[in-house]
Amino acid sequence: MGLYLLDYGAGNVQSLANSLKKLGYHFTWVSHPDDFLKATSLVFPGVGAFETAVNHLVSRGLFEPLRQYVQSGKPYFGICIGMQILFQSSAESTVPGLGVIPSPVERFDDKEKAVPHIGWNAARPVSTQPDGPAQPPYYYFVHSYCAKHQPERHPEASGWAYTTTQYGDETFISSVRQGNIFGTQFHPEKSGPAGLALLGAWLANYREVALIHPIPASTLVSSPEFTLTKRIIACMDVRTNDEGDLVVTKGDQYDVREKVDPDPGTTTNPSGAVRNLGKPVALASRYYEAGADELCLLNITSFRLSPLQDQPMLAVVRAAAECVFVPLTIGGGIKDTTDPDGTKRSALEVAGAYFRAGADKVSIGSEAVYAVERLRAQGKPDGASAIETIAHTYGRQAVVVSVDPRRVYVDPKSYDGPYHDEIISGDTSGLENDKGKAWWYQCTVSGGREARQLSVVQLVQGVETLGAGEILLNSIDRDGTGLGFDIALVSLVKRSVKIPVVASSGAGASQHFVDLFKNTSAEAALAAGIFHRELVGISEVKERLMREGVRTRI
């Protein structure tokens, strides 16, 4: 079987390559226009911007050969951009698509929901067959643009629809199928067992895909509503220990060293060894098997040379991507740097290395704060920030901004400062005995060690303007406390932006996840220490959510 894989030059295609290897299939990368003539089956995966994908294909002389291949009758499987490029056009771009499906790709309406659409959602067959599953499988989506399922407006596209998916008040085409052509808006290579089953079914016989391949009921969400689920994300802070080995660690208020009793007769408090909670790849594999919806690897160690020359995390990402088939977010060092020999490395170059290694999203921290400060000083984006350059090339869904705010308490009766409209007033239910207190949230950099004159609202609205696709919202005040998520902080940020928000810091029990999702509209929750120390399991959290009526993937 002449299976070929098309890499248009941007986005994470390594994940699909790993999935094909997992399934036991050999493939060849398309490197020349003549390869389309050799291929008997072709898979085109893509994460990123429509225009970037088309321009890369055109510049490499692959666009017209791709069109000819699709029209040849040989099996074609397009994933995300690989499906969207089949359409006539995209609202994301002025360049045309292949035009195989004569209708447009449009942007989601963000009036009532967050955009991008990120997470696990159901793919419902347009025509139900008797032998199909009682519930449609859930797959992983990450996109801002879609082919809307509106038969009266786009009858041609509706004729191609194989499955549809509901997001908020909109229904869109989540997969297309006609003749030799099959395409999915979701990412089977990042959709766990259901996605691998789908890939395997298509590779075995593209004519018999059959309702997105039925899977065991135990892997399906129990909710009858079949819509976007709440995500549970396991996070691993990775750094070198004193022996130079990479370990997963966890700090209390960002202190990652074990506590040591001071020597008698001294006034100093010595630091112990770096807290070692396991090896990154082993933990990543464990959390995947336990049902984590996503994994986050944050490099919190210092670089001795540069992010590309001295980056052991690249090896970690490669190894994790070979055994983990859910999305991977990687953070740490995503910024413009200079090597010791004077070679300049852009944030885009560093992010590209992560994506080629197997990452799906990159997380930007302190650099995002500096970028927003420049944005506010200049009055407009300069196009040079890490957020902007990465979002332009890979799509905004590939950019996560990690925010580290801290409470600043003020007198609720007399404060009339610049953050007056952001003041939170505590009540009797506050876990920190907040009655009578008031505060605003100040942003920090360098792992919470340095405060900036920037509020959390100013920061999140600024990064949304620059092109971030998701907010990872930490809380310095709650980190390591086990008191639960900072509901007031999450609610404030959700009111301020239209992009998805991942809540982090403070989880100490499964009930805290229930409280978060029932009291805020956050799209996901991230935790670390309680999972590392096995105080609470991912399956326990999900079962508790299910019992409480919160949609989640089991």
Protein backbone atom coordinates (compact mmCIF):
# COMPACT_ATOMS: atom_id res chain seq x y z
CA MET A 1 0.00 0.00 0.00
CA GLY A 2 1.51 3.32 -1.12
CA LEU A 3 0.40 5.42 1.85
CA TYR A 4 1.71 8.99 1.69
CA LEU A 5 1.50 11.75 4.30
CA LEU A 6 1.42 15.39 3.21
CA ASP A 7 3.21 17.94 5.38
CA TYR A 8 2.43 21.44 4.14
CA GLY A 9 5.22 22.96 6.21
CA ALA A 10 3.51 24.16 9.39
CA GLY A 11 1.51 22.58 12.18
CA ASN A 12 1.93 19.37 14.09
CA VAL A 13 1.97 16.47 11.63
CA GLN A 14 4.17 14.34 13.87
CA SER A 15 1.13 13.36 15.94
CA LEU A 16 -0.48 11.70 12.93
CA ALA A 17 2.80 10.04 12.00
CA ASN A 18 2.96 8.57 15.51
CA SER A 19 -0.64 7.34 15.24
CA LEU A 20 0.05 5.60 11.93
CA LYS A 21 3.10 3.90 13.43
CA LYS A 22 1.04 2.88 16.46
CA LEU A 23 -1.44 1.22 14.11
CA GLY A 24 1.37 -0.61 12.32
CA TYR A 25 1.32 1.30 9.02
CA HIS A 26 4.33 2.47 7.07
CA PHE A 27 4.11 5.68 5.08
CA THR A 28 6.18 8.06 2.96
CA TRP A 29 6.29 11.84 3.28
CA VAL A 30 5.29 13.80 0.19
CA SER A 31 8.45 15.65 -0.81
CA HIS A 32 7.93 16.21 -4.55
CA PRO A 33 4.94 16.74 -6.88
CA ASP A 34 5.64 13.35 -8.49
CA ASP A 35 4.90 11.65 -5.16
CA PHE A 36 1.18 12.18 -5.79
CA LEU A 37 1.47 9.86 -8.79
CA LYS A 38 3.09 7.16 -6.64
CA ALA A 39 0.55 7.38 -3.82
CA THR A 40 -2.29 4.90 -3.61
CA SER A 41 -3.63 6.55 -0.43
CA LEU A 42 -3.01 10.07 0.89
CA VAL A 43 -3.56 11.67 4.29
CA PHE A 44 -3.35 15.46 4.61
CA PRO A 45 -3.35 16.57 8.28
CA GLY A 46 -3.12 20.20 9.24
CA VAL A 47 -3.28 22.56 12.16
CA GLY A 48 -3.00 26.23 11.44
CA ALA A 49 -4.13 29.04 9.22
CA PHE A 50 -5.89 28.36 5.91
CA GLU A 51 -3.87 30.95 3.98
CA THR A 52 -0.56 29.69 5.36
CA ALA A 53 -1.41 26.15 4.27
CA VAL A 54 -2.41 27.15 0.74
CA ASN A 55 0.58 29.45 0.26
CA HIS A 56 3.00 26.76 1.43
CA LEU A 57 1.50 24.24 -0.98
CA VAL A 58 1.62 26.72 -3.86
CA SER A 59 5.21 27.77 -3.15
CA ARG A 60 6.33 24.11 -3.15
CA GLY A 61 4.45 23.29 -6.32
CA LEU A 62 2.09 20.91 -4.50
CA PHE A 63 -1.27 22.68 -4.76
CA GLU A 64 -2.28 21.63 -8.30
CA PRO A 65 -0.89 18.09 -7.94
CA LEU A 66 -2.97 17.80 -4.74
CA ARG A 67 -6.08 18.88 -6.66
CA GLN A 68 -5.36 16.32 -9.36
CA TYR A 69 -4.86 13.60 -6.78
CA VAL A 70 -8.18 14.36 -5.04
CA GLN A 71 -9.95 14.24 -8.43
CA SER A 72 -8.19 10.99 -9.42
CA GLY A 73 -10.48 8.71 -7.44
CA LYS A 74 -7.71 7.45 -5.15
CA PRO A 75 -8.37 7.49 -1.36
CA TYR A 76 -7.92 10.87 0.30
CA PHE A 77 -8.25 11.65 4.03
CA GLY A 78 -8.10 15.33 5.01
CA ILE A 79 -7.84 16.35 8.67
CA CYS A 80 -8.75 19.87 9.89
CA ILE A 81 -7.06 22.14 7.32
CA GLY A 82 -6.85 19.03 5.14
CA MET A 83 -10.66 18.98 5.14
CA GLN A 84 -11.19 22.74 4.93
CA ILE A 85 -8.96 23.05 1.88
CA LEU A 86 -11.51 20.96 -0.03
CA PHE A 87 -13.92 23.89 0.18
CA GLN A 88 -14.16 26.83 -2.19
CA SER A 89 -12.95 29.49 0.24
CA SER A 90 -12.42 30.43 3.88
CA ALA A 91 -13.36 33.57 5.78
CA GLU A 92 -9.90 33.26 7.35
CA SER A 93 -8.22 34.05 4.05
CA THR A 94 -8.46 35.70 0.63
CA VAL A 95 -6.83 32.78 -1.17
CA PRO A 96 -9.11 30.10 -2.66
CA GLY A 97 -9.26 26.47 -1.64
CA LEU A 98 -9.41 23.47 -3.97
CA GLY A 99 -13.08 24.09 -4.68
CA VAL A 100 -14.01 20.40 -4.59
CA ILE A 101 -16.90 21.35 -2.29
CA PRO A 102 -18.43 24.54 -3.77
CA SER A 103 -19.23 26.38 -0.54
CA PRO A 104 -17.33 28.49 2.01
CA VAL A 105 -15.74 27.90 5.39
CA GLU A 106 -16.94 30.53 7.88
CA ARG A 107 -16.02 31.75 11.36
CA PHE A 108 -17.96 30.68 14.40
CA ASP A 109 -20.22 33.30 15.93
CA ASP A 110 -18.67 34.27 19.28
CA LYS A 111 -21.60 36.23 20.71
CA GLU A 112 -22.77 33.37 22.93
CA LYS A 113 -19.73 31.10 23.12
CA ALA A 114 -15.95 31.05 23.23
CA VAL A 115 -14.00 30.89 19.98
CA PRO A 116 -11.87 28.92 19.09
CA HIS A 117 -13.95 25.79 19.60
CA ILE A 118 -11.53 23.70 21.66
CA GLY A 119 -12.24 20.36 23.26
CA TRP A 120 -14.08 17.07 22.95
CA ASN A 121 -17.38 17.07 21.11
CA ALA A 122 -19.69 14.52 19.52
CA ALA A 123 -19.79 13.71 15.81
CA ARG A 124 -23.33 12.66 14.92
CA PRO A 125 -23.99 10.76 11.67
CA VAL A 126 -26.24 12.59 9.24
CA SER A 127 -27.96 9.34 8.30
CA THR A 128 -28.25 6.85 11.15
CA GLN A 129 -27.69 3.19 10.36
CA PRO A 130 -29.17 0.34 12.43
CA ASP A 131 -25.76 -1.04 13.36
CA GLY A 132 -24.40 2.31 14.50
CA PRO A 133 -23.51 3.12 18.13
CA ALA A 134 -26.22 4.24 20.54
CA GLN A 135 -24.11 7.30 21.27
CA PRO A 136 -21.79 9.07 18.85
CA PRO A 137 -18.10 9.01 19.78
CA TYR A 138 -16.43 12.14 21.08
CA TYR A 139 -13.44 13.58 19.21
CA TYR A 140 -11.01 16.41 19.81
CA PHE A 141 -11.64 19.71 18.00
CA VAL A 142 -9.54 22.86 17.86
CA HIS A 143 -10.63 25.47 15.31
CA SER A 144 -12.19 28.91 14.84
CA TYR A 145 -13.58 28.32 11.34
CA CYS A 146 -16.03 25.70 10.17
CA ALA A 147 -18.34 24.61 7.36
CA LYS A 148 -21.73 25.47 8.80
CA HIS A 149 -24.47 22.90 8.29
CA GLN A 150 -27.16 25.07 6.73
CA PRO A 151 -28.85 23.14 3.89
CA GLU A 152 -30.89 26.15 2.81
CA ARG A 153 -27.77 28.32 2.42
CA HIS A 154 -25.20 25.74 1.37
CA PRO A 155 -26.99 22.74 -0.16
CA GLU A 156 -23.81 21.59 -1.93
CA ALA A 157 -21.90 21.29 1.35
CA SER A 158 -24.80 19.56 3.05
CA GLY A 159 -24.69 16.87 0.39
CA TRP A 160 -21.12 16.10 1.48
CA ALA A 161 -21.87 16.02 5.21
CA TYR A 162 -21.15 12.69 6.86
CA THR A 163 -21.42 13.88 10.47
CA THR A 164 -22.43 17.12 12.12
CA THR A 165 -21.54 18.60 15.49
CA GLN A 166 -23.31 21.09 17.71
CA TYR A 167 -21.40 23.96 19.29
CA GLY A 168 -23.53 26.41 21.17
CA ASP A 169 -26.29 27.59 18.87
CA GLU A 170 -24.51 26.50 15.68
CA THR A 171 -24.34 23.19 13.86
CA PHE A 172 -21.37 22.54 11.62
CA ILE A 173 -20.11 19.76 9.38
CA SER A 174 -17.61 17.74 11.39
CA SER A 175 -16.80 15.27 8.62
CA VAL A 176 -17.39 14.94 4.88
CA ARG A 177 -17.53 11.86 2.75
CA GLN A 178 -18.13 11.25 -0.95
CA GLY A 179 -16.56 8.63 -3.17
CA ASN A 180 -12.84 8.46 -2.51
CA ILE A 181 -12.84 11.57 -0.30
CA PHE A 182 -13.12 11.57 3.47
CA GLY A 183 -12.36 14.51 5.76
CA THR A 184 -12.72 15.40 9.41
CA GLN A 185 -12.74 18.76 11.15
CA PHE A 186 -11.70 17.00 14.34
CA HIS A 187 -8.32 15.37 14.98
CA PRO A 188 -8.49 11.56 15.14
CA GLU A 189 -4.79 11.45 15.97
CA LYS A 190 -5.57 13.41 19.16
CA SER A 191 -8.84 11.68 20.01
CA GLY A 192 -7.59 8.72 22.02
CA PRO A 193 -8.98 5.22 21.36
CA ALA A 194 -11.91 6.51 19.28
CA GLY A 195 -9.59 8.41 16.97
CA LEU A 196 -7.18 5.51 16.55
CA ALA A 197 -10.15 3.24 15.76
CA LEU A 198 -11.32 5.66 13.07
CA LEU A 199 -7.87 5.88 11.49
CA GLY A 200 -7.55 2.11 11.55
CA ALA A 201 -10.95 1.66 9.91
CA TRP A 202 -10.13 4.05 7.08
CA LEU A 203 -6.69 2.54 6.48
CA ALA A 204 -8.18 -0.95 6.37
CA ASN A 205 -10.92 -0.02 3.90
CA TYR A 206 -11.72 3.58 3.04
CA ARG A 207 -15.09 2.52 1.57
CA GLU A 208 -16.24 1.07 4.90
CA VAL A 209 -15.57 3.84 7.42
CA ALA A 210 -19.08 3.23 8.81
CA LEU A 211 -20.40 5.84 11.17
CA ILE A 212 -17.02 6.89 12.49
CA HIS A 213 -16.35 3.35 13.67
CA PRO A 214 -18.42 2.27 16.70
CA ILE A 215 -16.43 1.98 19.93
CA PRO A 216 -17.22 0.49 23.36
CA ALA A 217 -19.87 2.37 25.32
CA SER A 218 -17.46 2.65 28.26
CA THR A 219 -15.41 5.18 26.28
CA LEU A 220 -18.36 7.44 25.55
CA VAL A 221 -19.65 10.37 27.53
CA SER A 222 -22.80 9.56 29.45
CA SER A 223 -24.61 12.82 28.76
CA PRO A 224 -27.49 12.65 26.30
CA GLU A 225 -26.84 16.20 25.11
CA PHE A 226 -23.91 15.35 22.82
CA THR A 227 -22.13 18.67 22.89
CA LEU A 228 -18.82 20.13 24.05
CA THR A 229 -17.54 18.53 27.25
CA LYS A 230 -15.58 20.05 30.10
CA ARG A 231 -11.90 19.13 29.87
CA ILE A 232 -9.68 17.82 32.66
CA ILE A 233 -6.03 18.61 32.03
CA ALA A 234 -3.07 17.10 33.85
CA CYS A 235 -0.11 19.47 34.16
CA MET A 236 3.52 18.57 34.75
CA ASP A 237 6.05 21.19 35.81
CA VAL A 238 9.36 19.89 34.47
CA ARG A 239 12.82 21.03 35.53
CA THR A 240 16.28 19.69 36.13
CA ASN A 241 17.11 18.50 39.62
CA ASP A 242 20.47 19.04 41.28
CA GLU A 243 21.91 16.03 39.43
CA GLY A 244 20.86 17.43 36.05
CA ASP A 245 17.99 14.98 35.43
CA LEU A 246 14.61 16.14 34.19
CA VAL A 247 11.89 15.46 36.77
CA VAL A 248 8.28 16.44 37.32
CA THR A 249 8.06 18.71 40.33
CA LYS A 250 5.45 20.77 42.11
CA GLY A 251 5.81 23.81 44.28
CA ASP A 252 3.80 25.39 47.04
CA GLN A 253 3.54 29.04 46.07
CA TYR A 254 6.08 28.27 43.33
CA ASP A 255 8.75 26.85 45.71
CA VAL A 256 9.78 23.48 44.24
CA ARG A 257 12.28 22.40 46.89
CA GLU A 258 11.55 20.12 49.82
CA LYS A 259 11.26 21.77 53.19
CA VAL A 260 14.19 21.15 55.56
CA ASP A 261 14.28 21.93 59.27
CA PRO A 262 16.92 24.56 60.08
CA ASP A 263 20.02 23.56 62.01
CA PRO A 264 19.79 24.26 65.75
CA GLY A 265 21.33 27.57 66.66
CA THR A 266 21.04 29.08 63.15
CA THR A 267 18.63 31.65 61.77
CA THR A 268 18.65 30.37 58.17
CA ASN A 269 16.15 28.02 56.56
CA PRO A 270 18.08 25.76 54.22
CA SER A 271 16.46 24.45 51.03
CA GLY A 272 16.18 20.75 50.36
CA ALA A 273 16.41 18.90 47.07
CA VAL A 274 14.16 19.65 44.12
CA ARG A 275 10.85 17.88 44.73
CA ASN A 276 10.79 14.81 42.48
CA LEU A 277 7.33 13.45 41.67
CA GLY A 278 8.26 11.27 38.73
CA LYS A 279 9.62 11.15 35.20
CA PRO A 280 7.80 13.33 32.63
CA VAL A 281 7.13 10.71 29.94
CA ALA A 282 6.07 8.02 32.42
CA LEU A 283 3.62 10.39 34.11
CA ALA A 284 2.30 11.63 30.78
CA SER A 285 1.59 8.06 29.71
CA ARG A 286 -0.10 7.30 33.03
CA TYR A 287 -2.38 10.32 32.79
CA TYR A 288 -3.31 9.50 29.21
CA GLU A 289 -4.31 5.98 30.23
CA ALA A 290 -6.28 7.43 33.16
CA GLY A 291 -8.42 9.52 30.80
CA ALA A 292 -6.88 13.01 30.82
CA ASP A 293 -8.38 15.12 28.04
CA GLU A 294 -5.14 17.02 27.53
CA LEU A 295 -1.63 17.12 28.95
CA CYS A 296 0.47 20.15 29.70
CA LEU A 297 4.27 20.06 30.06
CA LEU A 298 5.78 23.28 31.42
CA ASN A 299 9.55 23.66 31.39
CA ILE A 300 10.36 25.70 34.51
CA THR A 301 14.13 25.16 34.44
CA SER A 302 16.68 27.63 33.11
CA PHE A 303 18.39 27.21 29.76
CA ARG A 304 22.16 26.94 29.94
CA LEU A 305 22.65 27.80 26.27
CA SER A 306 19.45 28.45 24.32
CA PRO A 307 15.99 26.89 23.89
CA LEU A 308 17.10 25.08 20.74
CA GLN A 309 20.70 24.16 21.54
CA ASP A 310 20.05 23.10 25.13
CA GLN A 311 16.50 21.84 25.15
CA PRO A 312 16.03 18.44 26.77
CA MET A 313 12.31 19.11 26.67
CA LEU A 314 12.32 18.44 22.93
CA ALA A 315 13.31 14.85 23.64
CA VAL A 316 10.59 14.63 26.30
CA VAL A 317 7.97 15.92 23.85
CA ARG A 318 9.04 13.45 21.16
CA ALA A 319 8.87 10.52 23.56
CA ALA A 320 5.54 11.61 25.08
CA ALA A 321 3.94 12.15 21.66
CA GLU A 322 4.74 8.54 20.73
CA CYS A 323 2.59 7.13 23.54
CA VAL A 324 0.03 9.89 24.20
CA PHE A 325 -2.83 10.43 21.75
CA VAL A 326 -4.47 13.48 23.27
CA PRO A 327 -3.31 17.11 22.85
CA LEU A 328 0.01 18.23 24.31
CA THR A 329 0.63 21.82 25.37
CA ILE A 330 4.27 22.80 25.90
CA GLY A 331 5.49 25.87 27.74
CA GLY A 332 8.82 27.40 28.73
CA GLY A 333 11.29 29.37 26.65
CA ILE A 334 8.85 30.36 23.91
CA LYS A 335 10.47 33.72 23.21
CA ASP A 336 13.07 35.48 21.09
CA THR A 337 16.56 34.52 22.27
CA THR A 338 20.18 34.76 21.19
CA ASP A 339 22.64 31.87 21.27
CA PRO A 340 26.09 32.31 22.84
CA ASP A 341 27.56 32.58 19.34
CA GLY A 342 25.25 35.47 18.50
CA THR A 343 22.72 33.50 16.47
CA LYS A 344 19.26 34.96 16.96
CA ARG A 345 16.38 32.55 17.58
CA SER A 346 12.83 33.78 17.17
CA ALA A 347 9.91 32.62 19.28
CA LEU A 348 8.37 31.33 16.05
CA GLU A 349 11.44 29.17 15.44
CA VAL A 350 11.32 27.76 18.97
CA ALA A 351 7.59 27.04 18.70
CA GLY A 352 8.16 25.35 15.34
CA ALA A 353 10.67 22.99 16.93
CA TYR A 354 8.11 22.04 19.57
CA PHE A 355 5.40 21.43 16.97
CA ARG A 356 7.69 19.26 14.85
CA ALA A 357 8.52 17.25 17.98
CA GLY A 358 4.85 16.52 18.65
CA ALA A 359 3.36 19.47 20.56
CA ASP A 360 -0.08 20.74 19.60
CA LYS A 361 -0.08 24.06 21.45
CA VAL A 362 2.56 26.28 23.04
CA SER A 363 2.14 28.24 26.24
CA ILE A 364 3.57 31.75 26.59
CA GLY A 365 3.96 33.40 30.00
CA SER A 366 6.08 36.44 30.85
CA GLU A 367 6.59 37.35 27.19
CA ALA A 368 2.84 37.83 26.86
CA VAL A 369 2.88 40.38 29.69
CA TYR A 370 5.66 42.38 28.01
CA ALA A 371 3.81 42.22 24.69
CA VAL A 372 0.63 43.64 26.22
CA GLU A 373 2.62 46.39 27.91
CA ARG A 374 3.99 47.36 24.48
CA LEU A 375 0.51 47.12 22.98
CA ARG A 376 -0.89 49.48 25.58
CA ALA A 377 2.01 51.93 25.22
CA GLN A 378 1.84 51.99 21.39
CA GLY A 379 -1.92 51.80 21.06
CA LYS A 380 -1.78 49.04 18.46
CA PRO A 381 -0.10 45.66 17.84
CA ASP A 382 3.36 45.76 16.29
CA GLY A 383 3.17 42.29 14.74
CA ALA A 384 6.45 41.23 16.35
CA SER A 385 5.34 39.53 19.55
CA ALA A 386 5.56 35.78 20.03
CA ILE A 387 1.77 35.59 20.21
CA GLU A 388 1.30 37.36 16.88
CA THR A 389 3.99 35.58 14.89
CA ILE A 390 3.01 32.10 16.09
CA ALA A 391 -0.74 32.71 15.67
CA HIS A 392 -0.21 34.06 12.15
CA THR A 393 1.68 30.94 11.07
CA TYR A 394 -0.01 28.19 13.06
CA GLY A 395 -3.40 29.71 13.88
CA ARG A 396 -4.49 31.31 17.14
CA GLN A 397 -5.70 27.94 18.47
CA ALA A 398 -2.02 26.95 18.79
CA VAL A 399 -1.24 29.78 21.25
CA VAL A 400 -2.03 29.51 24.97
CA VAL A 401 -1.17 32.37 27.32
CA SER A 402 -0.35 31.40 30.90
CA VAL A 403 -1.43 34.12 33.33
CA ASP A 404 -0.09 34.42 36.92
CA PRO A 405 -2.14 37.00 38.86
CA ARG A 406 -1.97 37.81 42.55
CA ARG A 407 -4.52 39.54 44.76
CA VAL A 408 -3.84 43.13 45.79
CA TYR A 409 -6.05 44.08 48.73
CA VAL A 410 -7.48 47.58 48.94
CA ASP A 411 -9.82 49.51 51.22
CA PRO A 412 -13.28 48.82 49.79
CA LYS A 413 -14.63 52.13 51.09
CA SER A 414 -11.94 54.50 49.86
CA TYR A 415 -10.28 52.87 46.84
CA ASP A 416 -10.81 54.82 43.62
CA GLY A 417 -7.74 53.77 41.66
CA PRO A 418 -7.33 52.68 38.02
CA TYR A 419 -8.72 49.20 38.69
CA HIS A 420 -11.92 50.34 40.34
CA ASP A 421 -14.12 48.48 37.85
CA GLU A 422 -12.27 45.22 38.53
CA ILE A 423 -12.57 45.21 42.30
CA ILE A 424 -13.80 41.96 43.85
CA SER A 425 -15.65 42.16 47.16
CA GLY A 426 -15.36 39.18 49.47
CA ASP A 427 -18.32 37.58 51.17
CA THR A 428 -18.95 35.23 54.04
CA SER A 429 -18.46 32.19 51.79
CA GLY A 430 -14.89 33.16 50.92
CA LEU A 431 -12.40 30.44 51.75
CA GLU A 432 -9.79 32.96 52.89
CA ASN A 433 -12.22 34.68 55.31
CA ASP A 434 -12.85 37.38 52.71
CA LYS A 435 -15.74 39.09 54.44
CA GLY A 436 -15.22 42.84 54.38
CA LYS A 437 -12.19 42.61 52.07
CA ALA A 438 -11.74 43.86 48.51
CA TRP A 439 -9.03 43.31 45.94
CA TRP A 440 -7.97 43.44 42.32
CA TYR A 441 -5.71 40.97 40.52
CA GLN A 442 -2.24 42.13 39.57
CA CYS A 443 -0.22 40.29 36.91
CA THR A 444 3.26 38.97 37.53
CA VAL A 445 6.21 37.64 35.52
CA SER A 446 9.13 35.32 36.21
CA GLY A 447 7.05 32.65 37.88
CA GLY A 448 5.22 35.09 40.14
CA ARG A 449 8.38 36.68 41.48
CA GLU A 450 7.92 40.13 39.90
CA ALA A 451 4.72 42.20 39.90
CA ARG A 452 3.80 44.43 36.95
CA GLN A 453 1.47 47.41 36.80
CA LEU A 454 -1.02 45.47 34.76
CA SER A 455 -4.30 43.95 35.89
CA VAL A 456 -5.48 40.52 34.91
CA VAL A 457 -8.31 42.03 32.84
CA GLN A 458 -5.91 44.29 30.96
CA LEU A 459 -3.65 41.33 30.27
CA VAL A 460 -6.24 38.83 29.05
CA GLN A 461 -7.97 41.39 26.85
CA GLY A 462 -4.59 42.41 25.46
CA VAL A 463 -3.48 38.89 24.57
CA GLU A 464 -6.87 38.23 22.96
CA THR A 465 -6.27 41.26 20.75
CA LEU A 466 -2.79 40.00 19.86
CA GLY A 467 -4.13 36.60 18.77
CA ALA A 468 -4.05 34.20 21.71
CA GLY A 469 -6.50 31.33 21.39
CA GLU A 470 -6.76 30.23 25.03
CA ILE A 471 -6.03 31.46 28.56
CA LEU A 472 -4.37 29.25 31.18
CA LEU A 473 -5.43 31.06 34.33
CA ASN A 474 -3.30 30.38 37.39
CA SER A 475 -3.74 31.82 40.88
CA ILE A 476 -0.68 32.56 42.98
CA ASP A 477 -2.88 32.94 46.05
CA ARG A 478 -4.43 29.49 45.64
CA ASP A 479 -1.43 27.56 44.31
CA GLY A 480 -0.66 24.60 46.57
CA THR A 481 -3.38 25.46 49.09
CA GLY A 482 -5.92 22.76 48.19
CA LEU A 483 -8.70 25.28 48.93
CA GLY A 484 -10.27 25.01 45.49
CA PHE A 485 -10.18 27.16 42.38
CA ASP A 486 -10.47 30.93 42.71
CA ILE A 487 -14.05 31.21 41.43
CA ALA A 488 -14.05 35.01 41.56
CA LEU A 489 -10.90 35.21 39.42
CA VAL A 490 -12.19 32.73 36.85
CA SER A 491 -15.56 34.49 36.59
CA LEU A 492 -13.87 37.88 36.16
CA VAL A 493 -11.69 36.63 33.31
CA LYS A 494 -14.54 34.76 31.59
CA ARG A 495 -16.56 38.00 31.56
CA SER A 496 -13.63 39.83 30.00
CA VAL A 497 -12.72 37.67 26.97
CA LYS A 498 -14.35 35.53 24.28
CA ILE A 499 -11.65 32.88 24.06
CA PRO A 500 -11.61 29.65 26.13
CA VAL A 501 -10.31 29.73 29.71
CA VAL A 502 -8.55 26.90 31.54
CA ALA A 503 -8.75 27.31 35.33
CA SER A 504 -5.72 26.29 37.38
CA SER A 505 -4.40 26.36 40.97
CA GLY A 506 -5.98 25.26 44.21
CA ALA A 507 -7.70 21.97 43.40
CA GLY A 508 -7.60 19.66 46.40
CA ALA A 509 -10.66 17.44 45.94
CA SER A 510 -12.97 16.23 43.19
CA GLN A 511 -15.71 18.52 44.51
CA HIS A 512 -13.58 21.53 43.60
CA PHE A 513 -13.92 20.65 39.91
CA VAL A 514 -17.69 20.42 40.32
CA ASP A 515 -17.74 23.82 42.06
CA LEU A 516 -15.70 25.35 39.25
CA PHE A 517 -17.88 24.13 36.41
CA LYS A 518 -21.17 24.78 38.18
CA ASN A 519 -20.24 28.32 39.23
CA THR A 520 -18.29 29.52 36.19
CA SER A 521 -18.34 28.99 32.43
CA ALA A 522 -14.69 27.89 32.28
CA GLU A 523 -14.06 25.40 29.49
CA ALA A 524 -11.44 23.32 31.31
CA ALA A 525 -9.71 22.68 34.63
CA LEU A 526 -6.04 21.95 35.11
CA ALA A 527 -4.44 20.29 38.12
CA ALA A 528 -1.03 18.93 39.03
CA GLY A 529 -0.16 18.14 42.63
CA ILE A 530 -3.31 16.21 43.52
CA PHE A 531 -2.76 13.94 40.52
CA HIS A 532 1.00 13.53 41.07
CA ARG A 533 0.53 12.61 44.72
CA GLU A 534 -2.48 10.43 43.85
CA LEU A 535 -4.68 12.30 46.32
CA VAL A 536 -7.39 12.33 43.68
CA GLY A 537 -7.48 10.39 40.42
CA ILE A 538 -8.55 11.72 37.04
CA SER A 539 -11.20 9.00 36.75
CA GLU A 540 -12.50 9.93 40.22
CA VAL A 541 -12.86 13.57 39.15
CA LYS A 542 -14.70 12.62 35.98
CA GLU A 543 -17.04 10.21 37.71
CA ARG A 544 -17.89 12.90 40.27
CA LEU A 545 -18.58 15.40 37.49
CA MET A 546 -20.78 12.88 35.71
CA ARG A 547 -22.83 12.25 38.86
CA GLU A 548 -23.27 15.99 39.31
CA GLY A 549 -24.53 16.46 35.74
CA VAL A 550 -21.40 18.08 34.31
CA ARG A 551 -20.59 16.83 30.81
CA THR A 552 -17.19 15.19 30.53
CA ARG A 553 -15.50 12.47 28.50
CA ILE A 554 -15.24 9.15 30.31
